[in-house]
Amino acid sequence: MPSLKLRSGDTVVFASDGVTDRGRVQHPPLGYGYVYIFIACS
């Protein structure tokens, strides 16, 4: 898989279903789905 280089000011949009929103109400603001994994690995 090719790597992705983000630069300051770039925007990332997560469009999905409940997996993206997983646990956001119980663990705000990110929950523990794809958005949290993305932030934790960056």
PDB file of N, CA and C in Angstrom:
ATOM      1  N   MET A   1       0.838  -1.161   0.000  1.00  0.00           N
ATOM      2  CA  MET A   1       0.000   0.000   0.000  1.00  0.00           C
ATOM      3  C   MET A   1       0.898   1.245   0.000  1.00  0.00           C
ATOM      4  N   PRO A   2       0.605   2.233  -0.841  1.00  0.00           N
ATOM      5  CA  PRO A   2       1.418   3.451  -0.850  1.00  0.00           C
ATOM      6  C   PRO A   2       1.200   4.246   0.427  1.00  0.00           C
ATOM      7  N   SER A   3       2.250   4.931   0.868  1.00  0.00           N
ATOM      8  CA  SER A   3       2.110   5.752   2.071  1.00  0.00           C
ATOM      9  C   SER A   3       1.474   7.085   1.702  1.00  0.00           C
ATOM     10  N   LEU A   4       0.871   7.693   2.670  1.00  0.00           N
ATOM     11  CA  LEU A   4       0.186   8.963   2.481  1.00  0.00           C
ATOM     12  C   LEU A   4       0.895  10.020   3.316  1.00  0.00           C
ATOM     13  N   LYS A   5       1.291  11.091   2.698  1.00  0.00           N
ATOM     14  CA  LYS A   5       1.953  12.188   3.403  1.00  0.00           C
ATOM     15  C   LYS A   5       0.960  13.333   3.550  1.00  0.00           C
ATOM     16  N   LEU A   6       0.647  13.684   4.786  1.00  0.00           N
ATOM     17  CA  LEU A   6      -0.240  14.814   5.040  1.00  0.00           C
ATOM     18  C   LEU A   6       0.595  16.034   5.390  1.00  0.00           C
ATOM     19  N   ARG A   7       0.137  17.163   4.926  1.00  0.00           N
ATOM     20  CA  ARG A   7       0.810  18.423   5.229  1.00  0.00           C
ATOM     21  C   ARG A   7      -0.090  19.292   6.100  1.00  0.00           C
ATOM     22  N   SER A   8       0.502  20.214   6.793  1.00  0.00           N
ATOM     23  CA  SER A   8      -0.261  21.137   7.614  1.00  0.00           C
ATOM     24  C   SER A   8      -1.339  21.806   6.769  1.00  0.00           C
ATOM     25  N   GLY A   9      -2.554  21.803   7.259  1.00  0.00           N
ATOM     26  CA  GLY A   9      -3.658  22.409   6.528  1.00  0.00           C
ATOM     27  C   GLY A   9      -4.466  21.420   5.714  1.00  0.00           C
ATOM     28  N   ASP A  10      -3.942  20.193   5.500  1.00  0.00           N
ATOM     29  CA  ASP A  10      -4.697  19.165   4.784  1.00  0.00           C
ATOM     30  C   ASP A  10      -5.915  18.752   5.612  1.00  0.00           C
ATOM     31  N   THR A  11      -6.952  18.313   4.951  1.00  0.00           N
ATOM     32  CA  THR A  11      -8.173  17.873   5.614  1.00  0.00           C
ATOM     33  C   THR A  11      -8.391  16.394   5.344  1.00  0.00           C
ATOM     34  N   VAL A  12      -8.708  15.653   6.393  1.00  0.00           N
ATOM     35  CA  VAL A  12      -9.035  14.233   6.264  1.00  0.00           C
ATOM     36  C   VAL A  12     -10.499  14.071   6.641  1.00  0.00           C
ATOM     37  N   VAL A  13     -11.268  13.386   5.795  1.00  0.00           N
ATOM     38  CA  VAL A  13     -12.684  13.163   6.043  1.00  0.00           C
ATOM     39  C   VAL A  13     -12.910  11.675   6.233  1.00  0.00           C
ATOM     40  N   PHE A  14     -13.564  11.291   7.320  1.00  0.00           N
ATOM     41  CA  PHE A  14     -13.928   9.905   7.575  1.00  0.00           C
ATOM     42  C   PHE A  14     -15.420   9.763   7.292  1.00  0.00           C
ATOM     43  N   ALA A  15     -15.757   9.014   6.258  1.00  0.00           N
ATOM     44  CA  ALA A  15     -17.153   8.788   5.901  1.00  0.00           C
ATOM     45  C   ALA A  15     -17.424   7.292   6.007  1.00  0.00           C
ATOM     46  N   SER A  16     -18.317   6.941   6.916  1.00  0.00           N
ATOM     47  CA  SER A  16     -18.584   5.524   7.138  1.00  0.00           C
ATOM     48  C   SER A  16     -19.876   5.362   7.906  1.00  0.00           C
ATOM     49  N   ASP A  17     -19.951   4.269   8.625  1.00  0.00           N
ATOM     50  CA  ASP A  17     -21.138   3.975   9.417  1.00  0.00           C
ATOM     51  C   ASP A  17     -20.769   3.964  10.894  1.00  0.00           C
ATOM     52  N   GLY A  18     -21.372   3.129  11.679  1.00  0.00           N
ATOM     53  CA  GLY A  18     -21.135   3.079  13.107  1.00  0.00           C
ATOM     54  C   GLY A  18     -19.715   2.742  13.508  1.00  0.00           C
ATOM     55  N   VAL A  19     -18.932   2.118  12.630  1.00  0.00           N
ATOM     56  CA  VAL A  19     -17.550   1.780  12.971  1.00  0.00           C
ATOM     57  C   VAL A  19     -16.725   3.047  13.152  1.00  0.00           C
ATOM     58  N   THR A  20     -16.992   4.064  12.344  1.00  0.00           N
ATOM     59  CA  THR A  20     -16.276   5.331  12.461  1.00  0.00           C
ATOM     60  C   THR A  20     -16.670   6.052  13.752  1.00  0.00           C
ATOM     61  N   ASP A  21     -17.920   5.939  14.126  1.00  0.00           N
ATOM     62  CA  ASP A  21     -18.468   6.638  15.285  1.00  0.00           C
ATOM     63  C   ASP A  21     -18.336   5.814  16.570  1.00  0.00           C
ATOM     64  N   ARG A  22     -17.732   4.689  16.516  1.00  0.00           N
ATOM     65  CA  ARG A  22     -17.719   3.706  17.591  1.00  0.00           C
ATOM     66  C   ARG A  22     -17.320   4.298  18.950  1.00  0.00           C
ATOM     67  N   GLY A  23     -18.249   4.240  19.897  1.00  0.00           N
ATOM     68  CA  GLY A  23     -17.974   4.624  21.269  1.00  0.00           C
ATOM     69  C   GLY A  23     -17.792   6.105  21.518  1.00  0.00           C
ATOM     70  N   ARG A  24     -18.128   6.939  20.558  1.00  0.00           N
ATOM     71  CA  ARG A  24     -17.885   8.378  20.711  1.00  0.00           C
ATOM     72  C   ARG A  24     -18.693   8.968  21.857  1.00  0.00           C
ATOM     73  N   VAL A  25     -19.899   8.470  22.102  1.00  0.00           N
ATOM     74  CA  VAL A  25     -20.729   8.998  23.183  1.00  0.00           C
ATOM     75  C   VAL A  25     -20.130   8.613  24.538  1.00  0.00           C
ATOM     76  N   GLN A  26     -19.665   7.382  24.669  1.00  0.00           N
ATOM     77  CA  GLN A  26     -19.098   6.915  25.934  1.00  0.00           C
ATOM     78  C   GLN A  26     -17.666   7.401  26.150  1.00  0.00           C
ATOM     79  N   HIS A  27     -16.921   7.644  25.079  1.00  0.00           N
ATOM     80  CA  HIS A  27     -15.510   8.045  25.162  1.00  0.00           C
ATOM     81  C   HIS A  27     -15.250   9.254  24.263  1.00  0.00           C
ATOM     82  N   PRO A  28     -15.858  10.406  24.614  1.00  0.00           N
ATOM     83  CA  PRO A  28     -15.696  11.582  23.764  1.00  0.00           C
ATOM     84  C   PRO A  28     -14.272  12.113  23.774  1.00  0.00           C
ATOM     85  N   PRO A  29     -13.806  12.874  22.815  1.00  0.00           N
ATOM     86  CA  PRO A  29     -14.568  13.226  21.628  1.00  0.00           C
ATOM     87  C   PRO A  29     -14.362  12.255  20.478  1.00  0.00           C
ATOM     88  N   LEU A  30     -13.382  11.331  20.572  1.00  0.00           N
ATOM     89  CA  LEU A  30     -13.048  10.501  19.409  1.00  0.00           C
ATOM     90  C   LEU A  30     -13.606   9.088  19.441  1.00  0.00           C
ATOM     91  N   GLY A  31     -14.032   8.600  20.591  1.00  0.00           N
ATOM     92  CA  GLY A  31     -14.444   7.202  20.673  1.00  0.00           C
ATOM     93  C   GLY A  31     -13.231   6.303  20.543  1.00  0.00           C
ATOM     94  N   TYR A  32     -13.418   5.106  20.016  1.00  0.00           N
ATOM     95  CA  TYR A  32     -12.292   4.184  19.832  1.00  0.00           C
ATOM     96  C   TYR A  32     -12.369   3.460  18.490  1.00  0.00           C
ATOM     97  N   GLY A  33     -12.942   4.127  17.497  1.00  0.00           N
ATOM     98  CA  GLY A  33     -13.028   3.579  16.145  1.00  0.00           C
ATOM     99  C   GLY A  33     -11.878   4.057  15.270  1.00  0.00           C
ATOM    100  N   TYR A  34     -12.137   4.144  13.966  1.00  0.00           N
ATOM    101  CA  TYR A  34     -11.106   4.509  12.992  1.00  0.00           C
ATOM    102  C   TYR A  34     -10.478   5.873  13.267  1.00  0.00           C
ATOM    103  N   VAL A  35     -11.271   6.833  13.702  1.00  0.00           N
ATOM    104  CA  VAL A  35     -10.735   8.176  13.940  1.00  0.00           C
ATOM    105  C   VAL A  35      -9.709   8.127  15.073  1.00  0.00           C
ATOM    106  N   TYR A  36     -10.031   7.426  16.153  1.00  0.00           N
ATOM    107  CA  TYR A  36      -9.092   7.303  17.264  1.00  0.00           C
ATOM    108  C   TYR A  36      -7.804   6.589  16.826  1.00  0.00           C
ATOM    109  N   ILE A  37      -7.943   5.522  16.073  1.00  0.00           N
ATOM    110  CA  ILE A  37      -6.763   4.767  15.599  1.00  0.00           C
ATOM    111  C   ILE A  37      -5.897   5.667  14.724  1.00  0.00           C
ATOM    112  N   PHE A  38      -6.507   6.445  13.862  1.00  0.00           N
ATOM    113  CA  PHE A  38      -5.743   7.349  12.991  1.00  0.00           C
ATOM    114  C   PHE A  38      -4.952   8.352  13.817  1.00  0.00           C
ATOM    115  N   ILE A  39      -5.594   8.970  14.801  1.00  0.00           N
ATOM    116  CA  ILE A  39      -4.922   9.961  15.636  1.00  0.00           C
ATOM    117  C   ILE A  39      -3.832   9.305  16.487  1.00  0.00           C
ATOM    118  N   ALA A  40      -4.106   8.134  17.029  1.00  0.00           N
ATOM    119  CA  ALA A  40      -3.134   7.448  17.897  1.00  0.00           C
ATOM    120  C   ALA A  40      -1.881   7.022  17.133  1.00  0.00           C
ATOM    121  N   CYS A  41      -2.016   6.774  15.847  1.00  0.00           N
ATOM    122  CA  CYS A  41      -0.876   6.292  15.048  1.00  0.00           C
ATOM    123  C   CYS A  41      -0.156   7.421  14.312  1.00  0.00           C
ATOM    124  N   SER A  42      -0.607   8.639  14.468  1.00  0.00           N
ATOM    125  CA  SER A  42       0.050   9.725  13.739  1.00  0.00           C
ATOM    126  C   SER A  42       1.030  10.471  14.594  1.00  0.00           C
TER     127      SER A  42
END
